[in-house]
């Protein structure tokens, strides 16, 4: 079996080949004065440059969206496919950029160990991007917690707004997988030392509403409006209280003044791209910033972006939340599949076992891919291409079986070997995507209308995209929906919070289950992000660490080498 060096080893060896970010910027028509550099390899665009490009009359390029089948806990290579596809399109002479989310340090130190591609298809410098990068996530964390501090100070110092401490909805945040902070009591020590005693909790920064609304803001004006619209709680007589009522908007904006600027980086083959914002897709809308995507569309003929987790999460939310509002509709969609994931959906239980040839499990598990493809073809009306992300242990007969099966249903499947071969391993995929763009009608459909009742929107997603037979609402969820309707926010889009490990709301239900009921436990209102969040099943807004966290394998040597960040 072919073995490769660890991703971090490859990245550190590649450093001598990487260009100064000023050279990368020139490829897309940017000058040194347009940049605010963070060292040699990373730069933010200045705010004026950002607005100049966004407001220019230059026609947009074509948007390619990368998503995936329902994956295993190991992930199936969506980011590496995105990066490799950009390298492949450049090799065949196309002007291309990518737009990706910034990884959270929570999963980096938890299960994933990093999220910047892998092998010969990585964004650079992966160690900065996976860690502090340009400080955007820290700024979001600080702005979020400033609002929390101002709120608790208001409760302690007179409470002129008559906020009910038992009806405060604004949590605190941290960019770490720390399950002990999910539910806490604050204010201990008496009013002088601790303030108002009340229950609260933390969410991970990737689930912060400020992360979501920053990603959905097209400029500073919209950012300030969204910040002011954050619902923080209710008064004793159930009147809504917003961040603007606490006079918090100006200070939060000041903290975020640089975080709104997108970060320009490169991949191993010198393709420029933006990495900006990082909302999770199982508990937020799961896509990189509107600014990054729209800039890439202005600066290149082809822009590639990806949504978090499978197509029922990041892709659906991109279409129904992001593209609907900002006219960033994809011209083609890439669905990443792997033999390993198909085996698991076909009944194999162990990740190691799933590496072995098993045509019966492969055929049985293909129903998951068929459901996602059916959604793309018949629900969204966007031409799909299946990218078979090939691992060294995959069997040729099974790869061919997938290609033949896709062909039967009228979809092109291409083998992607970008992990091992970089751009050269994605030429077949790149050509298939370009062909799909030419065959698409451009008439993208949405799953629901914004003026549909809240329950109708939830049910259209649940039944149409997930394949549920019915939806069941807890008493609290029904109360939440009634409260949202009373406040006048029923026309917001829906951002479902559910497990990424199944089309259903239950971990372990593999394939494409039928005759099942989706359970909605509560429905949250994010007035700054401007979407409604039905929480389905046991969803935590701050993950926990696994038995053996990736952090245990990481180190920084006296010689300046990074170890274990993969």
Protein backbone atom coordinates (compact mmCIF):
# COMPACT_ATOMS: atom_id res chain seq x y z
CA UNK A 1 0.00 0.00 0.00
CA UNK A 2 1.19 3.52 -0.83
CA UNK A 3 2.05 5.57 2.24
CA UNK A 4 2.32 9.34 2.42
CA UNK A 5 3.83 11.75 4.86
CA UNK A 6 1.55 13.52 7.32
CA UNK A 7 -0.20 16.62 5.98
CA UNK A 8 1.78 18.92 8.26
CA UNK A 9 5.07 17.41 7.03
CA UNK A 10 4.06 17.96 3.41
CA UNK A 11 2.99 21.52 4.15
CA UNK A 12 6.21 22.42 5.93
CA UNK A 13 8.28 20.98 3.07
CA UNK A 14 6.19 22.94 0.54
CA UNK A 15 6.90 26.24 2.27
CA UNK A 16 10.00 26.93 0.17
CA UNK A 17 7.85 26.70 -3.00
CA UNK A 18 5.12 29.06 -1.81
CA UNK A 19 4.94 32.56 -3.27
CA UNK A 20 4.62 35.82 -1.40
CA UNK A 21 0.94 36.64 -1.15
CA UNK A 22 1.61 39.82 -3.16
CA UNK A 23 2.44 37.63 -6.19
CA UNK A 24 -0.75 35.62 -5.70
CA UNK A 25 -2.75 38.85 -5.49
CA UNK A 26 -1.34 40.02 -8.84
CA UNK A 27 -2.86 36.95 -10.52
CA UNK A 28 -6.31 38.35 -9.76
CA UNK A 29 -5.50 41.99 -10.50
CA UNK A 30 -4.73 43.22 -7.00
CA UNK A 31 -1.84 45.49 -6.05
CA UNK A 32 0.20 45.74 -2.88
CA UNK A 33 -1.82 48.73 -1.69
CA UNK A 34 -4.98 46.61 -1.83
CA UNK A 35 -3.59 44.27 0.83
CA UNK A 36 -3.06 44.29 4.56
CA UNK A 37 -0.42 41.59 5.02
CA UNK A 38 -0.19 39.13 7.89
CA UNK A 39 3.34 37.88 7.33
CA UNK A 40 4.55 36.56 3.99
CA UNK A 41 1.72 34.25 2.96
CA UNK A 42 -1.56 35.77 4.20
CA UNK A 43 -3.26 39.09 3.62
CA UNK A 44 -6.59 40.73 4.19
CA UNK A 45 -8.10 42.88 1.48
CA UNK A 46 -8.52 46.46 2.61
CA UNK A 47 -12.13 47.46 3.21
CA UNK A 48 -12.05 50.04 0.40
CA UNK A 49 -10.66 47.46 -2.04
CA UNK A 50 -13.32 44.98 -0.98
CA UNK A 51 -16.13 47.45 -1.65
CA UNK A 52 -14.60 48.60 -4.94
CA UNK A 53 -14.56 45.06 -6.30
CA UNK A 54 -17.98 44.09 -4.96
CA UNK A 55 -19.58 47.21 -6.45
CA UNK A 56 -17.84 46.97 -9.83
CA UNK A 57 -19.73 46.27 -13.05
CA UNK A 58 -17.58 43.24 -13.87
CA UNK A 59 -19.84 40.23 -14.53
CA UNK A 60 -19.72 37.39 -12.05
CA UNK A 61 -18.00 34.12 -12.87
CA UNK A 62 -19.60 30.70 -12.52
CA UNK A 63 -20.05 29.27 -9.04
CA UNK A 64 -19.24 25.59 -8.38
CA UNK A 65 -20.51 24.21 -5.07
CA UNK A 66 -18.85 21.19 -3.43
CA UNK A 67 -20.86 19.06 -1.03
CA UNK A 68 -20.97 15.40 -0.02
CA UNK A 69 -22.99 12.31 0.71
CA UNK A 70 -23.75 11.64 4.37
CA UNK A 71 -20.25 10.98 5.67
CA UNK A 72 -18.68 8.94 8.42
CA UNK A 73 -17.14 10.53 11.50
CA UNK A 74 -13.84 10.45 9.64
CA UNK A 75 -15.12 12.77 6.90
CA UNK A 76 -14.87 11.84 3.24
CA UNK A 77 -12.68 14.58 1.75
CA UNK A 78 -14.88 17.50 0.80
CA UNK A 79 -12.25 20.17 1.45
CA UNK A 80 -9.44 18.24 -0.27
CA UNK A 81 -11.75 17.83 -3.28
CA UNK A 82 -12.49 21.55 -3.34
CA UNK A 83 -8.81 22.47 -3.23
CA UNK A 84 -7.82 19.77 -5.72
CA UNK A 85 -10.58 20.80 -8.14
CA UNK A 86 -9.35 24.40 -8.09
CA UNK A 87 -5.83 23.15 -8.89
CA UNK A 88 -7.17 20.96 -11.71
CA UNK A 89 -9.15 23.80 -13.31
CA UNK A 90 -6.06 26.00 -13.21
CA UNK A 91 -4.07 23.22 -14.94
CA UNK A 92 -6.55 23.15 -17.81
CA UNK A 93 -6.24 26.90 -18.27
CA UNK A 94 -9.12 28.32 -16.27
CA UNK A 95 -8.99 31.43 -14.08
CA UNK A 96 -10.25 30.06 -10.79
CA UNK A 97 -10.51 30.91 -7.10
CA UNK A 98 -11.85 29.13 -4.04
CA UNK A 99 -13.78 30.40 -1.01
CA UNK A 100 -13.66 28.32 2.17
CA UNK A 101 -14.60 28.52 5.83
CA UNK A 102 -11.99 29.03 8.53
CA UNK A 103 -11.58 25.95 10.73
CA UNK A 104 -12.60 26.11 14.38
CA UNK A 105 -9.93 25.20 16.90
CA UNK A 106 -12.49 23.04 18.70
CA UNK A 107 -12.54 20.22 16.11
CA UNK A 108 -8.87 20.88 15.28
CA UNK A 109 -7.92 19.83 18.81
CA UNK A 110 -10.78 17.31 18.99
CA UNK A 111 -11.42 14.78 16.24
CA UNK A 112 -10.34 16.37 12.97
CA UNK A 113 -6.88 17.63 13.83
CA UNK A 114 -7.26 20.32 11.15
CA UNK A 115 -9.48 21.17 8.19
CA UNK A 116 -7.42 22.61 5.35
CA UNK A 117 -7.44 19.78 2.82
CA UNK A 118 -4.75 17.15 2.76
CA UNK A 119 -1.96 15.41 0.91
CA UNK A 120 -1.06 17.33 -2.24
CA UNK A 121 -4.22 19.48 -2.12
CA UNK A 122 -3.95 21.83 0.83
CA UNK A 123 -4.39 25.51 1.52
CA UNK A 124 -1.29 27.25 2.83
CA UNK A 125 -0.18 27.98 5.51
CA UNK A 126 -2.28 25.26 7.09
CA UNK A 127 -0.84 25.73 10.58
CA UNK A 128 -1.93 29.36 10.76
CA UNK A 129 -5.32 28.70 9.17
CA UNK A 130 -6.06 25.85 11.61
CA UNK A 131 -5.00 27.90 14.64
CA UNK A 132 -5.19 31.67 15.27
CA UNK A 133 -4.92 32.73 11.60
CA UNK A 134 -5.66 36.49 11.40
CA UNK A 135 -7.63 36.60 14.65
CA UNK A 136 -11.13 36.66 13.13
CA UNK A 137 -12.51 33.90 15.35
CA UNK A 138 -11.00 35.57 18.42
CA UNK A 139 -12.69 38.84 17.42
CA UNK A 140 -16.05 37.11 17.04
CA UNK A 141 -15.56 35.48 20.44
CA UNK A 142 -14.72 38.84 22.02
CA UNK A 143 -17.65 40.66 20.43
CA UNK A 144 -20.05 37.92 21.49
CA UNK A 145 -18.81 37.91 25.09
CA UNK A 146 -18.79 41.72 25.27
CA UNK A 147 -22.53 41.65 24.57
CA UNK A 148 -22.96 39.02 27.30
CA UNK A 149 -20.95 41.15 29.75
CA UNK A 150 -22.95 44.30 28.95
CA UNK A 151 -26.16 42.34 29.41
CA UNK A 152 -25.21 41.00 32.84
CA UNK A 153 -23.91 44.41 33.87
CA UNK A 154 -27.28 45.89 32.91
CA UNK A 155 -29.06 43.29 35.06
CA UNK A 156 -26.84 44.16 38.02
CA UNK A 157 -26.79 47.94 37.63
CA UNK A 158 -30.44 48.85 37.78
CA UNK A 159 -32.00 46.85 34.92
CA UNK A 160 -33.80 49.82 33.36
CA UNK A 161 -34.99 47.62 30.49
CA UNK A 162 -36.65 45.27 33.02
CA UNK A 163 -34.99 42.21 31.50
CA UNK A 164 -36.20 39.01 33.13
CA UNK A 165 -33.04 37.07 34.17
CA UNK A 166 -34.91 33.80 33.56
CA UNK A 167 -35.68 34.83 29.97
CA UNK A 168 -32.18 35.84 28.82
CA UNK A 169 -31.41 33.97 25.59
CA UNK A 170 -27.88 35.23 24.87
CA UNK A 171 -25.15 32.73 25.94
CA UNK A 172 -21.39 33.09 26.08
CA UNK A 173 -18.94 31.55 23.61
CA UNK A 174 -15.51 29.94 23.37
CA UNK A 175 -13.63 28.36 20.46
CA UNK A 176 -13.09 25.03 22.19
CA UNK A 177 -14.82 21.67 22.62
CA UNK A 178 -15.56 22.08 26.33
CA UNK A 179 -18.70 20.15 27.29
CA UNK A 180 -18.45 21.29 30.93
CA UNK A 181 -19.57 24.78 29.84
CA UNK A 182 -22.82 23.73 28.15
CA UNK A 183 -24.90 24.59 31.21
CA UNK A 184 -23.53 26.77 34.00
CA UNK A 185 -24.61 29.09 36.81
CA UNK A 186 -23.12 32.58 36.90
CA UNK A 187 -23.26 35.47 39.35
CA UNK A 188 -22.13 33.53 42.44
CA UNK A 189 -20.68 35.58 45.27
CA UNK A 190 -23.49 38.04 45.81
CA UNK A 191 -24.51 41.11 43.80
CA UNK A 192 -21.35 43.07 44.64
CA UNK A 193 -18.92 40.33 43.57
CA UNK A 194 -20.85 38.23 41.09
CA UNK A 195 -23.98 40.06 40.00
CA UNK A 196 -27.31 38.45 39.16
CA UNK A 197 -27.33 34.70 39.81
CA UNK A 198 -28.81 32.89 36.81
CA UNK A 199 -28.47 29.88 34.53
CA UNK A 200 -26.69 30.26 31.23
CA UNK A 201 -24.17 28.37 29.10
CA UNK A 202 -21.61 28.50 26.33
CA UNK A 203 -21.78 27.72 22.62
CA UNK A 204 -18.73 27.11 20.48
CA UNK A 205 -17.75 30.21 18.48
CA UNK A 206 -18.62 28.45 15.21
CA UNK A 207 -22.20 28.29 16.53
CA UNK A 208 -22.25 31.91 17.70
CA UNK A 209 -24.91 34.03 16.04
CA UNK A 210 -22.21 36.66 15.49
CA UNK A 211 -20.23 34.14 13.42
CA UNK A 212 -23.33 33.53 11.30
CA UNK A 213 -24.29 37.16 10.86
CA UNK A 214 -20.73 38.22 10.03
CA UNK A 215 -20.68 35.55 7.31
CA UNK A 216 -24.01 36.89 6.02
CA UNK A 217 -23.08 40.60 6.01
CA UNK A 218 -22.15 42.18 2.69
CA UNK A 219 -20.67 45.35 4.20
CA UNK A 220 -20.21 47.29 7.44
CA UNK A 221 -23.67 48.87 7.26
CA UNK A 222 -25.35 45.48 7.10
CA UNK A 223 -23.09 44.13 9.84
CA UNK A 224 -24.14 46.91 12.22
CA UNK A 225 -27.81 46.44 11.41
CA UNK A 226 -27.57 42.70 12.06
CA UNK A 227 -25.63 43.21 15.30
CA UNK A 228 -28.27 45.60 16.55
CA UNK A 229 -31.01 43.11 15.71
CA UNK A 230 -29.65 40.32 17.94
CA UNK A 231 -32.35 39.15 20.33
CA UNK A 232 -30.83 38.88 23.83
CA UNK A 233 -33.91 38.11 25.92
CA UNK A 234 -37.32 39.23 27.08
CA UNK A 235 -38.69 41.59 29.73
CA UNK A 236 -40.92 40.55 32.59
CA UNK A 237 -43.94 41.27 30.37
CA UNK A 238 -42.46 39.33 27.41
CA UNK A 239 -41.28 42.22 25.27
CA UNK A 240 -38.23 41.45 23.12
CA UNK A 241 -34.90 43.08 24.03
CA UNK A 242 -32.23 43.50 21.35
CA UNK A 243 -28.50 44.29 21.37
CA UNK A 244 -29.23 47.84 20.20
CA UNK A 245 -31.27 48.38 23.39
CA UNK A 246 -28.10 47.68 25.41
CA UNK A 247 -26.15 50.21 23.28
CA UNK A 248 -23.71 47.43 22.39
CA UNK A 249 -23.53 47.80 18.61
CA UNK A 250 -20.77 50.39 18.32
CA UNK A 251 -18.30 48.53 20.53
CA UNK A 252 -19.01 45.18 18.91
CA UNK A 253 -18.50 46.71 15.47
CA UNK A 254 -15.20 48.16 16.62
CA UNK A 255 -14.02 44.69 17.64
CA UNK A 256 -15.13 43.27 14.27
CA UNK A 257 -13.79 46.07 12.05
CA UNK A 258 -10.97 43.88 10.69
CA UNK A 259 -12.78 40.55 10.90
CA UNK A 260 -15.19 41.65 8.16
CA UNK A 261 -12.28 41.84 5.69
CA UNK A 262 -11.67 38.53 3.85
CA UNK A 263 -8.39 36.62 4.14
CA UNK A 264 -6.45 35.91 0.94
CA UNK A 265 -4.34 32.73 0.82
CA UNK A 266 -3.06 30.22 -1.75
CA UNK A 267 -3.03 26.48 -2.20
CA UNK A 268 -0.05 24.28 -3.03
CA UNK A 269 -0.32 25.07 -6.75
CA UNK A 270 -0.72 28.83 -6.34
CA UNK A 271 -4.48 29.12 -6.83
CA UNK A 272 -5.70 32.16 -4.87
CA UNK A 273 -8.61 31.86 -2.48
CA UNK A 274 -10.45 33.47 0.41
CA UNK A 275 -10.83 31.83 3.81
CA UNK A 276 -13.35 33.79 5.82
CA UNK A 277 -15.78 32.94 8.65
CA UNK A 278 -16.57 29.43 9.84
CA UNK A 279 -20.14 28.65 10.93
CA UNK A 280 -20.84 24.96 11.58
CA UNK A 281 -23.42 23.35 9.26
CA UNK A 282 -25.21 21.10 11.74
CA UNK A 283 -26.07 23.97 14.13
CA UNK A 284 -25.57 27.04 11.91
CA UNK A 285 -25.75 27.72 8.15
CA UNK A 286 -22.38 26.15 7.38
CA UNK A 287 -20.94 28.31 4.59
CA UNK A 288 -18.06 30.75 4.20
CA UNK A 289 -18.73 34.47 4.02
CA UNK A 290 -20.91 36.09 1.40
CA UNK A 291 -18.10 38.60 0.94
CA UNK A 292 -15.53 35.91 0.15
CA UNK A 293 -17.79 34.11 -2.31
CA UNK A 294 -18.91 37.26 -4.12
CA UNK A 295 -15.34 38.55 -4.37
CA UNK A 296 -14.18 35.25 -5.85
CA UNK A 297 -16.99 35.47 -8.41
CA UNK A 298 -15.84 38.99 -9.38
CA UNK A 299 -12.15 38.15 -9.57
CA UNK A 300 -12.24 34.79 -11.40
CA UNK A 301 -14.15 33.04 -14.16
CA UNK A 302 -14.85 30.10 -11.86
CA UNK A 303 -15.29 30.23 -8.08
CA UNK A 304 -15.46 27.07 -5.97
CA UNK A 305 -16.99 27.00 -2.51
CA UNK A 306 -18.11 24.23 -0.20
CA UNK A 307 -20.78 23.77 2.44
CA UNK A 308 -20.34 21.97 5.71
CA UNK A 309 -21.22 18.30 6.12
CA UNK A 310 -23.55 16.59 3.64
CA UNK A 311 -25.84 18.06 0.99
CA UNK A 312 -28.86 17.96 3.33
CA UNK A 313 -27.11 20.50 5.57
CA UNK A 314 -24.55 22.93 4.10
CA UNK A 315 -25.81 22.73 0.52
CA UNK A 316 -29.52 23.11 1.34
CA UNK A 317 -28.76 26.04 3.63
CA UNK A 318 -26.60 27.71 1.01
CA UNK A 319 -29.43 27.61 -1.53
CA UNK A 320 -32.32 28.50 0.75
CA UNK A 321 -30.56 31.02 3.04
CA UNK A 322 -27.49 32.46 1.28
CA UNK A 323 -28.05 32.22 -2.48
CA UNK A 324 -31.67 33.32 -2.23
CA UNK A 325 -30.64 36.59 -0.57
CA UNK A 326 -27.38 37.39 -2.36
CA UNK A 327 -27.89 35.93 -5.86
CA UNK A 328 -24.98 33.50 -5.58
CA UNK A 329 -26.64 30.53 -7.27
CA UNK A 330 -24.38 27.63 -8.25
CA UNK A 331 -24.01 26.62 -11.88
CA UNK A 332 -23.01 23.06 -10.89
CA UNK A 333 -22.68 21.00 -7.72
CA UNK A 334 -20.08 18.36 -6.91
CA UNK A 335 -21.18 15.51 -4.64
CA UNK A 336 -18.18 13.85 -2.96
CA UNK A 337 -18.61 10.13 -2.29
CA UNK A 338 -16.27 7.41 -1.09
CA UNK A 339 -16.34 3.64 -1.20
CA UNK A 340 -15.77 3.62 2.57
CA UNK A 341 -18.84 5.73 3.31
CA UNK A 342 -20.99 3.63 0.96
CA UNK A 343 -19.88 0.50 2.80
CA UNK A 344 -20.90 2.06 6.12
CA UNK A 345 -24.30 3.08 4.76
CA UNK A 346 -24.64 -0.46 3.46
CA UNK A 347 -24.34 -2.04 6.89
CA UNK A 348 -20.63 -2.33 7.66
CA UNK A 349 -19.95 -1.03 11.16
CA UNK A 350 -16.23 -0.45 11.55
CA UNK A 351 -14.16 2.18 9.73
CA UNK A 352 -11.27 -0.22 9.25
CA UNK A 353 -13.55 -3.00 8.08
CA UNK A 354 -15.17 -0.58 5.62
CA UNK A 355 -11.87 -0.33 3.73
CA UNK A 356 -12.32 -3.89 2.48
CA UNK A 357 -14.10 -4.83 -0.74
CA UNK A 358 -17.81 -5.54 -0.25
CA UNK A 359 -20.00 -5.10 -3.34
CA UNK A 360 -23.17 -6.03 -1.47
CA UNK A 361 -22.66 -3.29 1.12
CA UNK A 362 -21.65 -0.86 -1.64
CA UNK A 363 -24.88 -1.48 -3.56
CA UNK A 364 -27.01 -1.29 -0.43
CA UNK A 365 -25.42 1.95 0.72
CA UNK A 366 -25.81 3.68 -2.65
CA UNK A 367 -29.35 4.68 -1.70
CA UNK A 368 -27.82 7.55 0.31
CA UNK A 369 -26.10 8.92 -2.80
CA UNK A 370 -29.27 8.45 -4.85
CA UNK A 371 -31.28 10.53 -2.37
CA UNK A 372 -28.78 13.41 -2.51
CA UNK A 373 -28.65 13.25 -6.31
CA UNK A 374 -32.44 13.18 -6.54
CA UNK A 375 -32.56 16.34 -4.41
CA UNK A 376 -30.07 18.12 -6.68
CA UNK A 377 -31.77 17.09 -9.91
CA UNK A 378 -35.43 17.30 -8.93
CA UNK A 379 -35.63 19.60 -5.90
CA UNK A 380 -32.95 22.21 -6.68
CA UNK A 381 -32.61 21.72 -10.47
CA UNK A 382 -28.81 22.05 -10.40
CA UNK A 383 -26.65 19.66 -12.49
CA UNK A 384 -24.57 17.38 -10.22
CA UNK A 385 -21.26 15.64 -10.76
CA UNK A 386 -20.22 12.80 -8.47
CA UNK A 387 -16.59 13.01 -7.33
CA UNK A 388 -15.34 9.60 -6.20
CA UNK A 389 -12.64 10.57 -3.71
CA UNK A 390 -10.30 7.65 -4.15
CA UNK A 391 -8.32 6.22 -1.26
CA UNK A 392 -5.27 3.95 -1.78
CA UNK A 393 -7.16 0.97 -0.34
CA UNK A 394 -10.14 1.30 -2.75
CA UNK A 395 -10.96 -1.51 -5.16
CA UNK A 396 -11.11 -0.88 -8.95
CA UNK A 397 -14.24 -3.00 -9.40
CA UNK A 398 -16.11 -1.01 -6.77
CA UNK A 399 -15.00 2.31 -8.27
CA UNK A 400 -16.29 1.20 -11.66
CA UNK A 401 -19.56 0.02 -10.09
CA UNK A 402 -20.18 3.54 -8.75
CA UNK A 403 -19.45 5.12 -12.12
CA UNK A 404 -21.78 2.70 -13.91
CA UNK A 405 -24.56 3.21 -11.36
CA UNK A 406 -24.33 6.99 -11.67
CA UNK A 407 -24.42 6.70 -15.45
CA UNK A 408 -27.66 4.70 -15.19
CA UNK A 409 -29.37 7.64 -13.49
CA UNK A 410 -27.91 10.20 -15.89
CA UNK A 411 -25.15 11.64 -13.73
CA UNK A 412 -21.44 11.78 -14.55
CA UNK A 413 -19.09 10.31 -11.95
CA UNK A 414 -15.36 11.08 -12.05
CA UNK A 415 -12.54 9.64 -9.99
CA UNK A 416 -10.68 12.23 -7.93
CA UNK A 417 -7.13 11.47 -6.85
CA UNK A 418 -6.21 14.99 -5.78
CA UNK A 419 -5.00 13.87 -2.35
CA UNK A 420 -2.19 11.84 -3.92
CA UNK A 421 -1.62 13.77 -7.15
CA UNK A 422 -2.78 17.36 -6.59
CA UNK A 423 -4.29 19.09 -9.59
CA UNK A 424 -3.24 16.32 -11.96
CA UNK A 425 -5.50 13.96 -10.04
CA UNK A 426 -8.55 16.15 -10.61
CA UNK A 427 -8.44 16.71 -14.40
CA UNK A 428 -11.20 14.17 -15.09
CA UNK A 429 -13.36 15.78 -12.41
CA UNK A 430 -12.63 19.31 -13.64
CA UNK A 431 -13.68 18.48 -17.22
CA UNK A 432 -16.87 16.81 -15.98
CA UNK A 433 -17.77 19.88 -13.92
CA UNK A 434 -17.21 22.25 -16.87
CA UNK A 435 -19.46 20.04 -18.99
CA UNK A 436 -22.15 20.05 -16.31
CA UNK A 437 -22.09 23.85 -16.19
CA UNK A 438 -22.83 23.97 -19.91
CA UNK A 439 -25.81 21.62 -19.58
CA UNK A 440 -27.50 23.40 -16.66
CA UNK A 441 -30.55 25.59 -17.23
CA UNK A 442 -29.64 28.11 -14.52
CA UNK A 443 -33.22 27.90 -13.20
CA UNK A 444 -32.43 27.01 -9.59
CA UNK A 445 -35.37 26.09 -7.36
CA UNK A 446 -35.84 26.71 -3.64
CA UNK A 447 -37.33 24.16 -1.27
CA UNK A 448 -39.82 26.57 0.27
CA UNK A 449 -41.10 30.13 -0.06
CA UNK A 450 -40.18 32.60 2.66
CA UNK A 451 -43.84 33.47 3.22
CA UNK A 452 -44.73 29.82 3.90
CA UNK A 453 -45.77 29.24 7.54
CA UNK A 454 -42.88 28.11 9.77
CA UNK A 455 -44.16 24.55 10.13
CA UNK A 456 -44.67 24.28 6.37
CA UNK A 457 -41.06 25.33 5.75
CA UNK A 458 -39.77 22.83 8.30
CA UNK A 459 -41.86 20.07 6.77
CA UNK A 460 -40.83 20.83 3.20
CA UNK A 461 -37.18 20.40 4.23
CA UNK A 462 -37.86 17.36 6.40
CA UNK A 463 -40.00 15.48 3.90
CA UNK A 464 -38.50 16.75 0.66
CA UNK A 465 -34.78 16.78 1.48
CA UNK A 466 -34.41 14.29 4.34
CA UNK A 467 -37.15 11.85 3.30
CA UNK A 468 -39.14 11.99 6.55
CA UNK A 469 -42.68 10.64 6.62
CA UNK A 470 -43.83 13.11 9.28
CA UNK A 471 -42.65 15.82 11.69
CA UNK A 472 -43.47 15.80 15.39
CA UNK A 473 -43.17 18.95 17.52
CA UNK A 474 -42.61 19.03 21.27
CA UNK A 475 -44.87 21.34 23.32
CA UNK A 476 -41.91 23.70 23.73
CA UNK A 477 -41.30 23.78 19.96
CA UNK A 478 -44.94 24.70 19.36
CA UNK A 479 -44.68 27.46 21.97
CA UNK A 480 -41.48 28.71 20.33
CA UNK A 481 -43.12 28.85 16.90
CA UNK A 482 -46.10 30.76 18.29
CA UNK A 483 -43.75 33.27 19.96
CA UNK A 484 -41.78 33.80 16.73
CA UNK A 485 -44.99 34.37 14.79
CA UNK A 486 -46.17 36.85 17.43
CA UNK A 487 -42.89 38.79 17.16
CA UNK A 488 -43.33 39.05 13.38
CA UNK A 489 -40.33 37.00 12.23
CA UNK A 490 -42.14 34.06 10.63
CA UNK A 491 -40.85 34.98 7.15
CA UNK A 492 -37.22 34.20 8.07
CA UNK A 493 -35.59 31.22 6.31
CA UNK A 494 -35.08 27.95 8.18
CA UNK A 495 -31.68 26.76 9.45
CA UNK A 496 -32.16 23.19 10.66
CA UNK A 497 -30.00 21.94 13.54
CA UNK A 498 -29.62 18.17 13.33
CA UNK A 499 -27.01 15.45 13.27
CA UNK A 500 -24.62 15.38 10.33
CA UNK A 501 -24.23 11.61 10.60
CA UNK A 502 -27.60 10.68 9.10
CA UNK A 503 -30.27 12.05 6.79
CA UNK A 504 -32.51 11.72 9.84
CA UNK A 505 -32.28 13.37 13.25
CA UNK A 506 -30.94 10.14 14.77
CA UNK A 507 -27.29 9.05 14.73
CA UNK A 508 -26.99 5.52 13.39
CA UNK A 509 -29.85 5.57 10.88
CA UNK A 510 -27.78 5.05 7.75
CA UNK A 511 -28.62 4.99 4.05
CA UNK A 512 -31.83 6.77 3.06
CA UNK A 513 -34.40 5.69 5.67
CA UNK A 514 -38.13 5.70 4.96
CA UNK A 515 -41.19 5.79 7.25
CA UNK A 516 -39.54 7.78 10.00
CA UNK A 517 -40.55 10.89 11.96
CA UNK A 518 -38.38 13.97 12.50
CA UNK A 519 -38.58 15.30 16.07
CA UNK A 520 -38.34 19.05 16.63
CA UNK A 521 -37.49 19.66 20.29
CA UNK A 522 -37.29 23.45 20.26
CA UNK A 523 -37.19 26.32 17.78
CA UNK A 524 -34.72 29.17 18.29
CA UNK A 525 -34.87 32.63 16.76
CA UNK A 526 -31.70 34.32 15.48
CA UNK A 527 -32.81 37.85 14.64
CA UNK A 528 -29.29 39.06 13.81
CA UNK A 529 -28.53 36.19 11.45
CA UNK A 530 -32.18 36.43 10.33
CA UNK A 531 -33.04 32.77 10.38
CA UNK A 532 -35.10 30.34 12.46
CA UNK A 533 -33.35 27.30 13.99
CA UNK A 534 -35.43 24.18 14.66
CA UNK A 535 -33.37 21.95 16.97
CA UNK A 536 -33.93 18.31 16.08
CA UNK A 537 -32.92 15.48 18.37
CA UNK A 538 -30.03 15.74 20.83
CA UNK A 539 -27.97 18.59 19.41
CA UNK A 540 -25.27 20.32 21.45
CA UNK A 541 -24.14 23.83 20.54
CA UNK A 542 -20.72 23.13 22.02
CA UNK A 543 -19.16 19.74 21.20
CA UNK A 544 -17.17 17.60 23.60
CA UNK A 545 -13.75 16.05 23.12
CA UNK A 546 -13.32 12.39 22.08
CA UNK A 547 -11.60 9.80 24.32
CA UNK A 548 -8.28 10.55 22.59
CA UNK A 549 -8.29 14.19 21.44
CA UNK A 550 -6.09 15.18 18.51
CA UNK A 551 -4.48 17.72 20.85
CA UNK A 552 -2.65 14.88 22.61
CA UNK A 553 -0.64 14.17 19.45
CA UNK A 554 0.41 17.77 18.76
CA UNK A 555 3.64 19.51 19.63
CA UNK A 556 6.06 22.23 18.56
CA UNK A 557 9.70 21.21 18.65
CA UNK A 558 12.74 23.24 19.66
CA UNK A 559 13.76 23.12 15.97
CA UNK A 560 10.52 24.87 14.99
CA UNK A 561 8.68 21.84 13.58
CA UNK A 562 4.95 21.33 14.10
CA UNK A 563 3.85 17.78 14.88
CA UNK A 564 0.40 16.19 14.73
CA UNK A 565 -1.60 19.02 13.12
CA UNK A 566 -3.27 17.09 10.28
